[in-house]
Amino acid sequence: MKADPDLHGFRFRDLHPKVFIGTASDRYAGWIGQIYAEDRYRGRISIRPKVVKGRSFREAVLPVESVEEYFEHFSVLELDFTFYRLLKGNDKKPTQAYHVLKSYQSHLLMLV
């Protein structure tokens, strides 16, 4: 019989092969100590302002390279920012969203 997923270690790789678990975000700094190593990103967390329903808050974000560690725990990642931000501007030049995707690509190639 197959071993149960390591729920305590937040590893879900041993689920049924047709079940995929992931998130709509991977760079959430609140997961440090659970999904991400505590020391790995020290001093490299970005803070960006957000406004939701007229209320302001600050979001702590890990660098894109954290995707390498993310895939140690999850098998799927939704990069939904590509739905909200264009990859090319009206001038046909790559946007910031395009460059972020290219950065993801370089880190994902490290996993292959």
PDB file of N, CA and C in Angstrom:
ATOM      1  N   MET A   1       0.841  -1.187   0.000  1.00  0.00           N
ATOM      2  CA  MET A   1       0.000   0.000   0.000  1.00  0.00           C
ATOM      3  C   MET A   1       0.882   1.245   0.000  1.00  0.00           C
ATOM      4  N   LYS A   2       0.459   2.239  -0.733  1.00  0.00           N
ATOM      5  CA  LYS A   2       1.200   3.482  -0.855  1.00  0.00           C
ATOM      6  C   LYS A   2       1.174   4.270   0.454  1.00  0.00           C
ATOM      7  N   ALA A   3       2.294   4.921   0.780  1.00  0.00           N
ATOM      8  CA  ALA A   3       2.368   5.719   2.006  1.00  0.00           C
ATOM      9  C   ALA A   3       1.461   6.939   1.918  1.00  0.00           C
ATOM     10  N   ASP A   4       0.966   7.357   3.070  1.00  0.00           N
ATOM     11  CA  ASP A   4       0.156   8.574   3.120  1.00  0.00           C
ATOM     12  C   ASP A   4       1.041   9.773   2.835  1.00  0.00           C
ATOM     13  N   PRO A   5       0.466  10.847   2.300  1.00  0.00           N
ATOM     14  CA  PRO A   5       1.256  12.063   2.095  1.00  0.00           C
ATOM     15  C   PRO A   5       1.829  12.540   3.432  1.00  0.00           C
ATOM     16  N   ASP A   6       2.947  13.189   3.389  1.00  0.00           N
ATOM     17  CA  ASP A   6       3.579  13.728   4.590  1.00  0.00           C
ATOM     18  C   ASP A   6       2.878  15.031   4.953  1.00  0.00           C
ATOM     19  N   LEU A   7       1.740  14.918   5.608  1.00  0.00           N
ATOM     20  CA  LEU A   7       0.936  16.097   5.938  1.00  0.00           C
ATOM     21  C   LEU A   7       1.660  17.003   6.921  1.00  0.00           C
ATOM     22  N   HIS A   8       2.407  16.419   7.846  1.00  0.00           N
ATOM     23  CA  HIS A   8       3.136  17.235   8.812  1.00  0.00           C
ATOM     24  C   HIS A   8       4.211  18.075   8.126  1.00  0.00           C
ATOM     25  N   GLY A   9       4.844  17.499   7.110  1.00  0.00           N
ATOM     26  CA  GLY A   9       5.893  18.207   6.371  1.00  0.00           C
ATOM     27  C   GLY A   9       5.358  19.001   5.192  1.00  0.00           C
ATOM     28  N   PHE A  10       4.038  19.075   5.048  1.00  0.00           N
ATOM     29  CA  PHE A  10       3.404  19.821   3.961  1.00  0.00           C
ATOM     30  C   PHE A  10       3.832  19.314   2.585  1.00  0.00           C
ATOM     31  N   ARG A  11       4.066  17.999   2.461  1.00  0.00           N
ATOM     32  CA  ARG A  11       4.443  17.423   1.168  1.00  0.00           C
ATOM     33  C   ARG A  11       3.291  16.569   0.681  1.00  0.00           C
ATOM     34  N   PHE A  12       2.825  16.874  -0.509  1.00  0.00           N
ATOM     35  CA  PHE A  12       1.654  16.216  -1.046  1.00  0.00           C
ATOM     36  C   PHE A  12       1.966  15.458  -2.334  1.00  0.00           C
ATOM     37  N   ARG A  13       3.204  15.050  -2.531  1.00  0.00           N
ATOM     38  CA  ARG A  13       3.622  14.401  -3.773  1.00  0.00           C
ATOM     39  C   ARG A  13       3.084  12.982  -3.934  1.00  0.00           C
ATOM     40  N   ASP A  14       2.720  12.306  -2.849  1.00  0.00           N
ATOM     41  CA  ASP A  14       2.313  10.911  -2.941  1.00  0.00           C
ATOM     42  C   ASP A  14       0.803  10.726  -3.026  1.00  0.00           C
ATOM     43  N   LEU A  15       0.093  11.734  -3.459  1.00  0.00           N
ATOM     44  CA  LEU A  15      -1.341  11.605  -3.663  1.00  0.00           C
ATOM     45  C   LEU A  15      -1.612  10.774  -4.913  1.00  0.00           C
ATOM     46  N   HIS A  16      -2.846  10.454  -5.125  1.00  0.00           N
ATOM     47  CA  HIS A  16      -3.242   9.738  -6.344  1.00  0.00           C
ATOM     48  C   HIS A  16      -2.693  10.491  -7.555  1.00  0.00           C
ATOM     49  N   PRO A  17      -2.197   9.806  -8.576  1.00  0.00           N
ATOM     50  CA  PRO A  17      -1.569  10.487  -9.716  1.00  0.00           C
ATOM     51  C   PRO A  17      -2.484  11.418 -10.504  1.00  0.00           C
ATOM     52  N   LYS A  18      -3.784  11.319 -10.318  1.00  0.00           N
ATOM     53  CA  LYS A  18      -4.687  12.229 -11.030  1.00  0.00           C
ATOM     54  C   LYS A  18      -5.180  13.367 -10.146  1.00  0.00           C
ATOM     55  N   VAL A  19      -4.625  13.483  -8.943  1.00  0.00           N
ATOM     56  CA  VAL A  19      -4.969  14.568  -8.030  1.00  0.00           C
ATOM     57  C   VAL A  19      -3.777  15.513  -7.966  1.00  0.00           C
ATOM     58  N   PHE A  20      -4.023  16.766  -8.262  1.00  0.00           N
ATOM     59  CA  PHE A  20      -2.973  17.776  -8.232  1.00  0.00           C
ATOM     60  C   PHE A  20      -3.373  18.868  -7.264  1.00  0.00           C
ATOM     61  N   ILE A  21      -2.484  19.222  -6.367  1.00  0.00           N
ATOM     62  CA  ILE A  21      -2.746  20.283  -5.403  1.00  0.00           C
ATOM     63  C   ILE A  21      -1.738  21.392  -5.654  1.00  0.00           C
ATOM     64  N   GLY A  22      -2.230  22.604  -5.675  1.00  0.00           N
ATOM     65  CA  GLY A  22      -1.371  23.761  -5.844  1.00  0.00           C
ATOM     66  C   GLY A  22      -2.079  24.976  -5.299  1.00  0.00           C
ATOM     67  N   THR A  23      -1.533  26.128  -5.582  1.00  0.00           N
ATOM     68  CA  THR A  23      -2.101  27.380  -5.097  1.00  0.00           C
ATOM     69  C   THR A  23      -2.142  28.394  -6.239  1.00  0.00           C
ATOM     70  N   ALA A  24      -2.798  29.515  -5.990  1.00  0.00           N
ATOM     71  CA  ALA A  24      -2.839  30.593  -6.974  1.00  0.00           C
ATOM     72  C   ALA A  24      -1.726  31.596  -6.711  1.00  0.00           C
ATOM     73  N   SER A  25      -0.891  31.304  -5.760  1.00  0.00           N
ATOM     74  CA  SER A  25       0.248  32.156  -5.460  1.00  0.00           C
ATOM     75  C   SER A  25       1.357  31.289  -4.901  1.00  0.00           C
ATOM     76  N   ASP A  26       2.578  31.675  -5.128  1.00  0.00           N
ATOM     77  CA  ASP A  26       3.696  30.889  -4.624  1.00  0.00           C
ATOM     78  C   ASP A  26       4.673  31.711  -3.813  1.00  0.00           C
ATOM     79  N   ARG A  27       4.576  32.998  -3.844  1.00  0.00           N
ATOM     80  CA  ARG A  27       5.601  33.852  -3.250  1.00  0.00           C
ATOM     81  C   ARG A  27       5.162  34.461  -1.925  1.00  0.00           C
ATOM     82  N   TYR A  28       4.194  33.847  -1.280  1.00  0.00           N
ATOM     83  CA  TYR A  28       3.615  34.338  -0.037  1.00  0.00           C
ATOM     84  C   TYR A  28       4.600  34.170   1.122  1.00  0.00           C
ATOM     85  N   ALA A  29       5.094  35.258   1.658  1.00  0.00           N
ATOM     86  CA  ALA A  29       6.099  35.208   2.721  1.00  0.00           C
ATOM     87  C   ALA A  29       5.536  34.618   4.017  1.00  0.00           C
ATOM     88  N   GLY A  30       4.243  34.587   4.176  1.00  0.00           N
ATOM     89  CA  GLY A  30       3.633  33.989   5.361  1.00  0.00           C
ATOM     90  C   GLY A  30       3.892  32.499   5.477  1.00  0.00           C
ATOM     91  N   TRP A  31       4.365  31.874   4.422  1.00  0.00           N
ATOM     92  CA  TRP A  31       4.655  30.438   4.442  1.00  0.00           C
ATOM     93  C   TRP A  31       6.082  30.125   4.889  1.00  0.00           C
ATOM     94  N   ILE A  32       6.840  31.154   5.231  1.00  0.00           N
ATOM     95  CA  ILE A  32       8.202  30.910   5.716  1.00  0.00           C
ATOM     96  C   ILE A  32       8.099  30.102   7.005  1.00  0.00           C
ATOM     97  N   GLY A  33       8.869  29.035   7.052  1.00  0.00           N
ATOM     98  CA  GLY A  33       8.831  28.138   8.192  1.00  0.00           C
ATOM     99  C   GLY A  33       7.881  26.962   7.990  1.00  0.00           C
ATOM    100  N   GLN A  34       7.006  27.066   6.994  1.00  0.00           N
ATOM    101  CA  GLN A  34       6.086  25.968   6.675  1.00  0.00           C
ATOM    102  C   GLN A  34       6.449  25.362   5.324  1.00  0.00           C
ATOM    103  N   ILE A  35       6.455  26.187   4.291  1.00  0.00           N
ATOM    104  CA  ILE A  35       6.786  25.741   2.939  1.00  0.00           C
ATOM    105  C   ILE A  35       8.213  26.168   2.588  1.00  0.00           C
ATOM    106  N   TYR A  36       8.591  27.342   3.031  1.00  0.00           N
ATOM    107  CA  TYR A  36       9.895  27.912   2.688  1.00  0.00           C
ATOM    108  C   TYR A  36      10.829  27.920   3.887  1.00  0.00           C
ATOM    109  N   ALA A  37      12.109  27.680   3.631  1.00  0.00           N
ATOM    110  CA  ALA A  37      13.129  27.705   4.677  1.00  0.00           C
ATOM    111  C   ALA A  37      13.247  29.110   5.261  1.00  0.00           C
ATOM    112  N   GLU A  38      13.395  29.168   6.575  1.00  0.00           N
ATOM    113  CA  GLU A  38      13.416  30.472   7.249  1.00  0.00           C
ATOM    114  C   GLU A  38      14.603  31.345   6.852  1.00  0.00           C
ATOM    115  N   ASP A  39      15.767  30.757   6.686  1.00  0.00           N
ATOM    116  CA  ASP A  39      16.975  31.553   6.424  1.00  0.00           C
ATOM    117  C   ASP A  39      17.205  31.873   4.956  1.00  0.00           C
ATOM    118  N   ARG A  40      16.616  31.112   4.063  1.00  0.00           N
ATOM    119  CA  ARG A  40      16.939  31.218   2.635  1.00  0.00           C
ATOM    120  C   ARG A  40      16.640  32.593   2.033  1.00  0.00           C
ATOM    121  N   TYR A  41      15.602  33.266   2.476  1.00  0.00           N
ATOM    122  CA  TYR A  41      15.173  34.520   1.846  1.00  0.00           C
ATOM    123  C   TYR A  41      15.364  35.747   2.747  1.00  0.00           C
ATOM    124  N   ARG A  42      16.040  35.555   3.867  1.00  0.00           N
ATOM    125  CA  ARG A  42      16.245  36.675   4.797  1.00  0.00           C
ATOM    126  C   ARG A  42      16.920  37.839   4.070  1.00  0.00           C
ATOM    127  N   GLY A  43      16.337  39.019   4.212  1.00  0.00           N
ATOM    128  CA  GLY A  43      16.875  40.217   3.573  1.00  0.00           C
ATOM    129  C   GLY A  43      16.503  40.359   2.108  1.00  0.00           C
ATOM    130  N   ARG A  44      15.709  39.419   1.571  1.00  0.00           N
ATOM    131  CA  ARG A  44      15.353  39.474   0.149  1.00  0.00           C
ATOM    132  C   ARG A  44      13.845  39.452  -0.065  1.00  0.00           C
ATOM    133  N   ILE A  45      13.102  39.782   0.969  1.00  0.00           N
ATOM    134  CA  ILE A  45      11.643  39.825   0.862  1.00  0.00           C
ATOM    135  C   ILE A  45      11.232  41.232   0.456  1.00  0.00           C
ATOM    136  N   SER A  46      10.431  41.334  -0.587  1.00  0.00           N
ATOM    137  CA  SER A  46       9.938  42.632  -1.064  1.00  0.00           C
ATOM    138  C   SER A  46       8.620  42.953  -0.376  1.00  0.00           C
ATOM    139  N   ILE A  47       8.404  44.220  -0.148  1.00  0.00           N
ATOM    140  CA  ILE A  47       7.137  44.688   0.410  1.00  0.00           C
ATOM    141  C   ILE A  47       6.459  45.529  -0.659  1.00  0.00           C
ATOM    142  N   ARG A  48       5.212  45.187  -0.979  1.00  0.00           N
ATOM    143  CA  ARG A  48       4.488  45.987  -1.971  1.00  0.00           C
ATOM    144  C   ARG A  48       3.138  46.392  -1.394  1.00  0.00           C
ATOM    145  N   PRO A  49       2.752  47.628  -1.678  1.00  0.00           N
ATOM    146  CA  PRO A  49       1.462  48.107  -1.168  1.00  0.00           C
ATOM    147  C   PRO A  49       0.311  47.500  -1.970  1.00  0.00           C
ATOM    148  N   LYS A  50      -0.784  47.253  -1.286  1.00  0.00           N
ATOM    149  CA  LYS A  50      -1.994  46.714  -1.919  1.00  0.00           C
ATOM    150  C   LYS A  50      -3.188  47.485  -1.379  1.00  0.00           C
ATOM    151  N   VAL A  51      -4.225  47.592  -2.197  1.00  0.00           N
ATOM    152  CA  VAL A  51      -5.487  48.183  -1.773  1.00  0.00           C
ATOM    153  C   VAL A  51      -6.595  47.226  -2.178  1.00  0.00           C
ATOM    154  N   VAL A  52      -7.396  46.809  -1.205  1.00  0.00           N
ATOM    155  CA  VAL A  52      -8.529  45.928  -1.449  1.00  0.00           C
ATOM    156  C   VAL A  52      -9.746  46.544  -0.773  1.00  0.00           C
ATOM    157  N   LYS A  53     -10.777  46.808  -1.583  1.00  0.00           N
ATOM    158  CA  LYS A  53     -12.012  47.428  -1.082  1.00  0.00           C
ATOM    159  C   LYS A  53     -11.727  48.702  -0.294  1.00  0.00           C
ATOM    160  N   GLY A  54     -10.786  49.499  -0.812  1.00  0.00           N
ATOM    161  CA  GLY A  54     -10.473  50.781  -0.207  1.00  0.00           C
ATOM    162  C   GLY A  54      -9.567  50.713   1.009  1.00  0.00           C
ATOM    163  N   ARG A  55      -9.167  49.531   1.415  1.00  0.00           N
ATOM    164  CA  ARG A  55      -8.291  49.382   2.571  1.00  0.00           C
ATOM    165  C   ARG A  55      -6.877  49.055   2.101  1.00  0.00           C
ATOM    166  N   SER A  56      -5.906  49.746   2.659  1.00  0.00           N
ATOM    167  CA  SER A  56      -4.505  49.559   2.280  1.00  0.00           C
ATOM    168  C   SER A  56      -3.819  48.585   3.230  1.00  0.00           C
ATOM    169  N   PHE A  57      -2.924  47.797   2.671  1.00  0.00           N
ATOM    170  CA  PHE A  57      -2.072  46.940   3.473  1.00  0.00           C
ATOM    171  C   PHE A  57      -0.783  46.678   2.715  1.00  0.00           C
ATOM    172  N   ARG A  58       0.155  46.067   3.393  1.00  0.00           N
ATOM    173  CA  ARG A  58       1.444  45.757   2.774  1.00  0.00           C
ATOM    174  C   ARG A  58       1.571  44.249   2.634  1.00  0.00           C
ATOM    175  N   GLU A  59       2.004  43.823   1.466  1.00  0.00           N
ATOM    176  CA  GLU A  59       2.161  42.405   1.174  1.00  0.00           C
ATOM    177  C   GLU A  59       3.653  42.074   1.099  1.00  0.00           C
ATOM    178  N   ALA A  60       4.079  41.064   1.859  1.00  0.00           N
ATOM    179  CA  ALA A  60       5.466  40.608   1.825  1.00  0.00           C
ATOM    180  C   ALA A  60       5.581  39.493   0.793  1.00  0.00           C
ATOM    181  N   VAL A  61       6.528  39.656  -0.143  1.00  0.00           N
ATOM    182  CA  VAL A  61       6.647  38.747  -1.285  1.00  0.00           C
ATOM    183  C   VAL A  61       8.074  38.210  -1.387  1.00  0.00           C
ATOM    184  N   LEU A  62       8.169  36.903  -1.582  1.00  0.00           N
ATOM    185  CA  LEU A  62       9.466  36.257  -1.770  1.00  0.00           C
ATOM    186  C   LEU A  62       9.964  36.450  -3.197  1.00  0.00           C
ATOM    187  N   PRO A  63      11.261  36.280  -3.440  1.00  0.00           N
ATOM    188  CA  PRO A  63      11.764  36.358  -4.819  1.00  0.00           C
ATOM    189  C   PRO A  63      11.233  35.184  -5.654  1.00  0.00           C
ATOM    190  N   VAL A  64      11.221  35.359  -6.958  1.00  0.00           N
ATOM    191  CA  VAL A  64      10.702  34.339  -7.874  1.00  0.00           C
ATOM    192  C   VAL A  64      11.416  33.004  -7.688  1.00  0.00           C
ATOM    193  N   GLU A  65      12.674  33.005  -7.329  1.00  0.00           N
ATOM    194  CA  GLU A  65      13.406  31.744  -7.165  1.00  0.00           C
ATOM    195  C   GLU A  65      12.763  30.821  -6.132  1.00  0.00           C
ATOM    196  N   SER A  66      11.889  31.347  -5.287  1.00  0.00           N
ATOM    197  CA  SER A  66      11.210  30.511  -4.289  1.00  0.00           C
ATOM    198  C   SER A  66      10.354  29.436  -4.952  1.00  0.00           C
ATOM    199  N   VAL A  67      10.060  29.595  -6.246  1.00  0.00           N
ATOM    200  CA  VAL A  67       9.273  28.585  -6.963  1.00  0.00           C
ATOM    201  C   VAL A  67       9.978  27.223  -6.946  1.00  0.00           C
ATOM    202  N   GLU A  68      11.293  27.220  -6.884  1.00  0.00           N
ATOM    203  CA  GLU A  68      12.026  25.953  -6.812  1.00  0.00           C
ATOM    204  C   GLU A  68      11.649  25.190  -5.539  1.00  0.00           C
ATOM    205  N   GLU A  69      11.581  25.896  -4.428  1.00  0.00           N
ATOM    206  CA  GLU A  69      11.214  25.271  -3.153  1.00  0.00           C
ATOM    207  C   GLU A  69       9.715  24.960  -3.115  1.00  0.00           C
ATOM    208  N   TYR A  70       8.907  25.809  -3.737  1.00  0.00           N
ATOM    209  CA  TYR A  70       7.459  25.593  -3.809  1.00  0.00           C
ATOM    210  C   TYR A  70       7.158  24.217  -4.396  1.00  0.00           C
ATOM    211  N   PHE A  71       7.843  23.857  -5.487  1.00  0.00           N
ATOM    212  CA  PHE A  71       7.566  22.597  -6.169  1.00  0.00           C
ATOM    213  C   PHE A  71       8.100  21.374  -5.413  1.00  0.00           C
ATOM    214  N   GLU A  72       8.761  21.576  -4.292  1.00  0.00           N
ATOM    215  CA  GLU A  72       9.078  20.456  -3.414  1.00  0.00           C
ATOM    216  C   GLU A  72       7.829  20.005  -2.660  1.00  0.00           C
ATOM    217  N   HIS A  73       6.816  20.869  -2.618  1.00  0.00           N
ATOM    218  CA  HIS A  73       5.607  20.602  -1.832  1.00  0.00           C
ATOM    219  C   HIS A  73       4.351  20.456  -2.680  1.00  0.00           C
ATOM    220  N   PHE A  74       4.269  21.177  -3.771  1.00  0.00           N
ATOM    221  CA  PHE A  74       3.078  21.184  -4.611  1.00  0.00           C
ATOM    222  C   PHE A  74       3.450  20.815  -6.044  1.00  0.00           C
ATOM    223  N   SER A  75       2.472  20.289  -6.781  1.00  0.00           N
ATOM    224  CA  SER A  75       2.741  19.888  -8.165  1.00  0.00           C
ATOM    225  C   SER A  75       2.138  20.836  -9.194  1.00  0.00           C
ATOM    226  N   VAL A  76       1.336  21.810  -8.756  1.00  0.00           N
ATOM    227  CA  VAL A  76       0.661  22.739  -9.664  1.00  0.00           C
ATOM    228  C   VAL A  76       0.775  24.152  -9.101  1.00  0.00           C
ATOM    229  N   LEU A  77       0.959  25.126  -9.977  1.00  0.00           N
ATOM    230  CA  LEU A  77       0.964  26.530  -9.590  1.00  0.00           C
ATOM    231  C   LEU A  77       0.170  27.323 -10.607  1.00  0.00           C
ATOM    232  N   GLU A  78      -0.774  28.109 -10.128  1.00  0.00           N
ATOM    233  CA  GLU A  78      -1.542  28.997 -11.004  1.00  0.00           C
ATOM    234  C   GLU A  78      -0.882  30.371 -10.986  1.00  0.00           C
ATOM    235  N   LEU A  79      -0.445  30.826 -12.129  1.00  0.00           N
ATOM    236  CA  LEU A  79       0.131  32.167 -12.256  1.00  0.00           C
ATOM    237  C   LEU A  79      -0.949  33.084 -12.821  1.00  0.00           C
ATOM    238  N   ASP A  80      -1.856  33.482 -11.978  1.00  0.00           N
ATOM    239  CA  ASP A  80      -3.027  34.220 -12.444  1.00  0.00           C
ATOM    240  C   ASP A  80      -2.749  35.673 -12.796  1.00  0.00           C
ATOM    241  N   PHE A  81      -1.574  36.191 -12.449  1.00  0.00           N
ATOM    242  CA  PHE A  81      -1.295  37.590 -12.787  1.00  0.00           C
ATOM    243  C   PHE A  81      -1.272  37.795 -14.296  1.00  0.00           C
ATOM    244  N   THR A  82      -1.033  36.735 -15.060  1.00  0.00           N
ATOM    245  CA  THR A  82      -1.020  36.875 -16.515  1.00  0.00           C
ATOM    246  C   THR A  82      -2.412  37.155 -17.074  1.00  0.00           C
ATOM    247  N   PHE A  83      -3.439  36.861 -16.300  1.00  0.00           N
ATOM    248  CA  PHE A  83      -4.812  37.170 -16.713  1.00  0.00           C
ATOM    249  C   PHE A  83      -5.097  38.657 -16.537  1.00  0.00           C
ATOM    250  N   TYR A  84      -4.510  39.260 -15.516  1.00  0.00           N
ATOM    251  CA  TYR A  84      -4.794  40.658 -15.171  1.00  0.00           C
ATOM    252  C   TYR A  84      -3.827  41.643 -15.805  1.00  0.00           C
ATOM    253  N   ARG A  85      -2.675  41.174 -16.230  1.00  0.00           N
ATOM    254  CA  ARG A  85      -1.670  42.066 -16.806  1.00  0.00           C
ATOM    255  C   ARG A  85      -1.219  41.514 -18.150  1.00  0.00           C
ATOM    256  N   LEU A  86      -1.154  42.377 -19.122  1.00  0.00           N
ATOM    257  CA  LEU A  86      -0.738  41.973 -20.467  1.00  0.00           C
ATOM    258  C   LEU A  86       0.738  41.596 -20.505  1.00  0.00           C
ATOM    259  N   LEU A  87       1.082  40.718 -21.425  1.00  0.00           N
ATOM    260  CA  LEU A  87       2.481  40.332 -21.599  1.00  0.00           C
ATOM    261  C   LEU A  87       3.215  41.282 -22.539  1.00  0.00           C
ATOM    262  N   LYS A  88       2.462  41.943 -23.432  1.00  0.00           N
ATOM    263  CA  LYS A  88       3.039  42.961 -24.308  1.00  0.00           C
ATOM    264  C   LYS A  88       2.183  44.218 -24.218  1.00  0.00           C
ATOM    265  N   GLY A  89       2.844  45.360 -24.230  1.00  0.00           N
ATOM    266  CA  GLY A  89       2.142  46.630 -24.173  1.00  0.00           C
ATOM    267  C   GLY A  89       1.625  47.045 -25.538  1.00  0.00           C
ATOM    268  N   ASN A  90       0.961  48.191 -25.588  1.00  0.00           N
ATOM    269  CA  ASN A  90       0.454  48.719 -26.857  1.00  0.00           C
ATOM    270  C   ASN A  90       1.572  48.955 -27.865  1.00  0.00           C
ATOM    271  N   ASP A  91       2.777  49.193 -27.348  1.00  0.00           N
ATOM    272  CA  ASP A  91       3.934  49.401 -28.217  1.00  0.00           C
ATOM    273  C   ASP A  91       4.581  48.077 -28.658  1.00  0.00           C
ATOM    274  N   LYS A  92       3.941  46.950 -28.307  1.00  0.00           N
ATOM    275  CA  LYS A  92       4.399  45.592 -28.650  1.00  0.00           C
ATOM    276  C   LYS A  92       5.662  45.174 -27.913  1.00  0.00           C
ATOM    277  N   LYS A  93       6.085  45.959 -26.913  1.00  0.00           N
ATOM    278  CA  LYS A  93       7.261  45.618 -26.122  1.00  0.00           C
ATOM    279  C   LYS A  93       6.841  44.792 -24.910  1.00  0.00           C
ATOM    280  N   PRO A  94       7.714  43.889 -24.474  1.00  0.00           N
ATOM    281  CA  PRO A  94       7.397  43.075 -23.304  1.00  0.00           C
ATOM    282  C   PRO A  94       7.160  43.934 -22.066  1.00  0.00           C
ATOM    283  N   THR A  95       6.172  43.547 -21.277  1.00  0.00           N
ATOM    284  CA  THR A  95       5.843  44.253 -20.038  1.00  0.00           C
ATOM    285  C   THR A  95       6.554  43.597 -18.858  1.00  0.00           C
ATOM    286  N   GLN A  96       6.363  44.149 -17.675  1.00  0.00           N
ATOM    287  CA  GLN A  96       6.926  43.570 -16.460  1.00  0.00           C
ATOM    288  C   GLN A  96       6.409  42.142 -16.272  1.00  0.00           C
ATOM    289  N   ALA A  97       5.136  41.899 -16.562  1.00  0.00           N
ATOM    290  CA  ALA A  97       4.564  40.555 -16.427  1.00  0.00           C
ATOM    291  C   ALA A  97       5.318  39.554 -17.299  1.00  0.00           C
ATOM    292  N   TYR A  98       5.669  39.951 -18.508  1.00  0.00           N
ATOM    293  CA  TYR A  98       6.449  39.092 -19.403  1.00  0.00           C
ATOM    294  C   TYR A  98       7.793  38.739 -18.769  1.00  0.00           C
ATOM    295  N   HIS A  99       8.466  39.742 -18.225  1.00  0.00           N
ATOM    296  CA  HIS A  99       9.787  39.515 -17.641  1.00  0.00           C
ATOM    297  C   HIS A  99       9.703  38.637 -16.387  1.00  0.00           C
ATOM    298  N   VAL A 100       8.631  38.780 -15.626  1.00  0.00           N
ATOM    299  CA  VAL A 100       8.436  37.908 -14.457  1.00  0.00           C
ATOM    300  C   VAL A 100       8.257  36.463 -14.920  1.00  0.00           C
ATOM    301  N   LEU A 101       7.468  36.251 -15.971  1.00  0.00           N
ATOM    302  CA  LEU A 101       7.304  34.892 -16.505  1.00  0.00           C
ATOM    303  C   LEU A 101       8.629  34.311 -16.991  1.00  0.00           C
ATOM    304  N   LYS A 102       9.450  35.125 -17.629  1.00  0.00           N
ATOM    305  CA  LYS A 102      10.768  34.665 -18.076  1.00  0.00           C
ATOM    306  C   LYS A 102      11.621  34.256 -16.871  1.00  0.00           C
ATOM    307  N   SER A 103      11.500  34.987 -15.789  1.00  0.00           N
ATOM    308  CA  SER A 103      12.232  34.641 -14.573  1.00  0.00           C
ATOM    309  C   SER A 103      11.746  33.303 -14.013  1.00  0.00           C
ATOM    310  N   TYR A 104      10.425  33.104 -14.002  1.00  0.00           N
ATOM    311  CA  TYR A 104       9.882  31.807 -13.584  1.00  0.00           C
ATOM    312  C   TYR A 104      10.453  30.697 -14.464  1.00  0.00           C
ATOM    313  N   GLN A 105      10.485  30.937 -15.760  1.00  0.00           N
ATOM    314  CA  GLN A 105      10.981  29.931 -16.687  1.00  0.00           C
ATOM    315  C   GLN A 105      12.408  29.512 -16.332  1.00  0.00           C
ATOM    316  N   SER A 106      13.257  30.476 -16.056  1.00  0.00           N
ATOM    317  CA  SER A 106      14.651  30.145 -15.746  1.00  0.00           C
ATOM    318  C   SER A 106      14.751  29.304 -14.478  1.00  0.00           C
ATOM    319  N   HIS A 107      13.907  29.571 -13.490  1.00  0.00           N
ATOM    320  CA  HIS A 107      13.957  28.787 -12.258  1.00  0.00           C
ATOM    321  C   HIS A 107      13.299  27.415 -12.436  1.00  0.00           C
ATOM    322  N   LEU A 108      12.294  27.333 -13.271  1.00  0.00           N
ATOM    323  CA  LEU A 108      11.651  26.038 -13.515  1.00  0.00           C
ATOM    324  C   LEU A 108      12.555  25.115 -14.317  1.00  0.00           C
ATOM    325  N   LEU A 109      13.369  25.675 -15.198  1.00  0.00           N
ATOM    326  CA  LEU A 109      14.311  24.860 -15.953  1.00  0.00           C
ATOM    327  C   LEU A 109      15.341  24.202 -15.023  1.00  0.00           C
ATOM    328  N   MET A 110      15.576  24.823 -13.868  1.00  0.00           N
ATOM    329  CA  MET A 110      16.490  24.249 -12.884  1.00  0.00           C
ATOM    330  C   MET A 110      15.919  22.954 -12.304  1.00  0.00           C
ATOM    331  N   LEU A 111      14.602  22.785 -12.365  1.00  0.00           N
ATOM    332  CA  LEU A 111      13.944  21.635 -11.768  1.00  0.00           C
ATOM    333  C   LEU A 111      13.868  20.438 -12.704  1.00  0.00           C
ATOM    334  N   VAL A 112      14.111  20.668 -13.980  1.00  0.00           N
ATOM    335  CA  VAL A 112      13.971  19.590 -14.961  1.00  0.00           C
ATOM    336  C   VAL A 112      15.190  18.702 -14.972  1.00  0.00           C
TER     337      VAL A 112
END
